Amino acid sequence: MSRIETVREIWGLLKARKRYWLIPIVVIVLLLALLLFLAETSPVAPFIYTLF
């Protein structure tokens, strides 16, 4: 299963179950995952660590 299919499946579930209030939570979790990924792999890591 590809990432795009996973996103489509999650979106379909949220739409079918009328759980639109979960969208901000999903977005925040994805942004935190991106931040952690950048903290591990980029030269910006020391600056990200100071945020926490």
N, C-alpha and C. Protein backbone atom coordinates (compact mmCIF):
# COMPACT_ATOMS: atom_id res chain seq x y z
N MET A 1 0.85 -1.18 0.00
CA MET A 1 0.00 0.00 0.00
C MET A 1 0.90 1.24 0.00
N SER A 2 0.67 2.13 -0.92
CA SER A 2 1.49 3.32 -1.01
C SER A 2 1.01 4.38 -0.03
N ARG A 3 1.81 5.40 0.12
CA ARG A 3 1.46 6.49 1.04
C ARG A 3 0.23 7.25 0.58
N ILE A 4 0.11 7.43 -0.72
CA ILE A 4 -1.04 8.17 -1.25
C ILE A 4 -2.32 7.38 -1.00
N GLU A 5 -2.26 6.07 -1.17
CA GLU A 5 -3.44 5.25 -0.89
C GLU A 5 -3.81 5.32 0.58
N THR A 6 -2.82 5.36 1.45
CA THR A 6 -3.07 5.46 2.88
C THR A 6 -3.76 6.78 3.21
N VAL A 7 -3.27 7.87 2.64
CA VAL A 7 -3.88 9.18 2.87
C VAL A 7 -5.31 9.20 2.35
N ARG A 8 -5.53 8.62 1.18
CA ARG A 8 -6.89 8.56 0.62
C ARG A 8 -7.82 7.74 1.52
N GLU A 9 -7.30 6.65 2.05
CA GLU A 9 -8.12 5.81 2.92
C GLU A 9 -8.48 6.53 4.22
N ILE A 10 -7.52 7.22 4.80
CA ILE A 10 -7.80 7.99 6.03
C ILE A 10 -8.79 9.10 5.73
N TRP A 11 -8.61 9.81 4.63
CA TRP A 11 -9.54 10.88 4.26
C TRP A 11 -10.94 10.33 4.03
N GLY A 12 -11.04 9.19 3.36
CA GLY A 12 -12.34 8.57 3.13
C GLY A 12 -13.01 8.16 4.43
N LEU A 13 -12.23 7.65 5.37
CA LEU A 13 -12.77 7.28 6.67
C LEU A 13 -13.30 8.50 7.42
N LEU A 14 -12.50 9.59 7.42
CA LEU A 14 -12.94 10.81 8.10
C LEU A 14 -14.20 11.37 7.46
N LYS A 15 -14.28 11.29 6.14
CA LYS A 15 -15.44 11.82 5.42
C LYS A 15 -16.68 10.96 5.65
N ALA A 16 -16.51 9.65 5.61
CA ALA A 16 -17.65 8.75 5.77
C ALA A 16 -18.20 8.78 7.18
N ARG A 17 -17.34 8.93 8.15
CA ARG A 17 -17.77 8.92 9.55
C ARG A 17 -18.08 10.31 10.09
N LYS A 18 -17.94 11.33 9.24
CA LYS A 18 -18.19 12.73 9.62
C LYS A 18 -17.34 13.14 10.83
N ARG A 19 -16.07 12.80 10.77
CA ARG A 19 -15.13 13.11 11.85
C ARG A 19 -14.19 14.24 11.41
N TYR A 20 -14.77 15.34 10.98
CA TYR A 20 -13.95 16.45 10.48
C TYR A 20 -13.13 17.10 11.59
N TRP A 21 -13.52 16.92 12.84
CA TRP A 21 -12.78 17.50 13.95
C TRP A 21 -11.43 16.81 14.15
N LEU A 22 -11.23 15.64 13.52
CA LEU A 22 -9.94 14.95 13.64
C LEU A 22 -8.89 15.50 12.68
N ILE A 23 -9.31 16.25 11.68
CA ILE A 23 -8.37 16.76 10.67
C ILE A 23 -7.27 17.62 11.29
N PRO A 24 -7.58 18.57 12.19
CA PRO A 24 -6.47 19.34 12.80
C PRO A 24 -5.51 18.47 13.60
N ILE A 25 -6.02 17.44 14.25
CA ILE A 25 -5.15 16.55 15.01
C ILE A 25 -4.20 15.80 14.08
N VAL A 26 -4.72 15.31 12.97
CA VAL A 26 -3.90 14.59 12.00
C VAL A 26 -2.84 15.51 11.42
N VAL A 27 -3.21 16.74 11.11
CA VAL A 27 -2.25 17.70 10.55
C VAL A 27 -1.14 18.00 11.55
N ILE A 28 -1.48 18.20 12.81
CA ILE A 28 -0.47 18.49 13.83
C ILE A 28 0.48 17.30 14.01
N VAL A 29 -0.05 16.10 14.01
CA VAL A 29 0.80 14.92 14.14
C VAL A 29 1.75 14.81 12.95
N LEU A 30 1.26 15.08 11.76
CA LEU A 30 2.12 15.04 10.58
C LEU A 30 3.20 16.11 10.63
N LEU A 31 2.86 17.31 11.10
CA LEU A 31 3.86 18.37 11.22
C LEU A 31 4.92 18.02 12.26
N LEU A 32 4.52 17.41 13.37
CA LEU A 32 5.50 16.98 14.36
C LEU A 32 6.41 15.90 13.80
N ALA A 33 5.86 14.98 13.03
CA ALA A 33 6.67 13.94 12.40
C ALA A 33 7.68 14.57 11.43
N LEU A 34 7.26 15.55 10.68
CA LEU A 34 8.16 16.25 9.76
C LEU A 34 9.25 16.98 10.53
N LEU A 35 8.88 17.61 11.62
CA LEU A 35 9.87 18.31 12.45
C LEU A 35 10.91 17.35 13.01
N LEU A 36 10.47 16.20 13.48
CA LEU A 36 11.41 15.20 13.98
C LEU A 36 12.32 14.67 12.88
N PHE A 37 11.76 14.48 11.70
CA PHE A 37 12.58 14.03 10.57
C PHE A 37 13.64 15.06 10.23
N LEU A 38 13.26 16.32 10.20
CA LEU A 38 14.22 17.38 9.89
C LEU A 38 15.26 17.53 10.99
N ALA A 39 14.87 17.27 12.23
CA ALA A 39 15.80 17.39 13.34
C ALA A 39 16.90 16.33 13.26
N GLU A 40 16.60 15.20 12.67
CA GLU A 40 17.59 14.14 12.57
C GLU A 40 18.51 14.29 11.38
N THR A 41 18.01 14.87 10.31
CA THR A 41 18.76 14.79 9.05
C THR A 41 19.30 16.11 8.53
N SER A 42 19.09 17.20 9.22
CA SER A 42 19.52 18.47 8.63
C SER A 42 20.52 19.20 9.52
N PRO A 43 21.24 20.14 8.94
CA PRO A 43 22.15 20.95 9.76
C PRO A 43 21.41 21.96 10.64
N VAL A 44 20.12 22.04 10.51
CA VAL A 44 19.30 22.94 11.31
C VAL A 44 18.96 22.29 12.67
N ALA A 45 19.38 21.05 12.86
CA ALA A 45 19.02 20.29 14.05
C ALA A 45 19.30 21.02 15.36
N PRO A 46 20.46 21.65 15.56
CA PRO A 46 20.69 22.33 16.84
C PRO A 46 19.67 23.44 17.13
N PHE A 47 19.17 24.07 16.09
CA PHE A 47 18.19 25.13 16.29
C PHE A 47 16.80 24.57 16.63
N ILE A 48 16.50 23.42 16.06
CA ILE A 48 15.22 22.78 16.36
C ILE A 48 15.23 22.26 17.80
N TYR A 49 16.36 21.72 18.25
CA TYR A 49 16.45 21.20 19.60
C TYR A 49 16.25 22.28 20.64
N THR A 50 16.61 23.52 20.32
CA THR A 50 16.43 24.59 21.30
C THR A 50 14.96 24.95 21.50
N LEU A 51 14.11 24.55 20.56
CA LEU A 51 12.68 24.82 20.72
C LEU A 51 12.07 23.96 21.83
N PHE A 52 12.68 22.82 22.08
CA PHE A 52 12.14 21.92 23.08
C PHE A 52 13.04 21.96 24.28
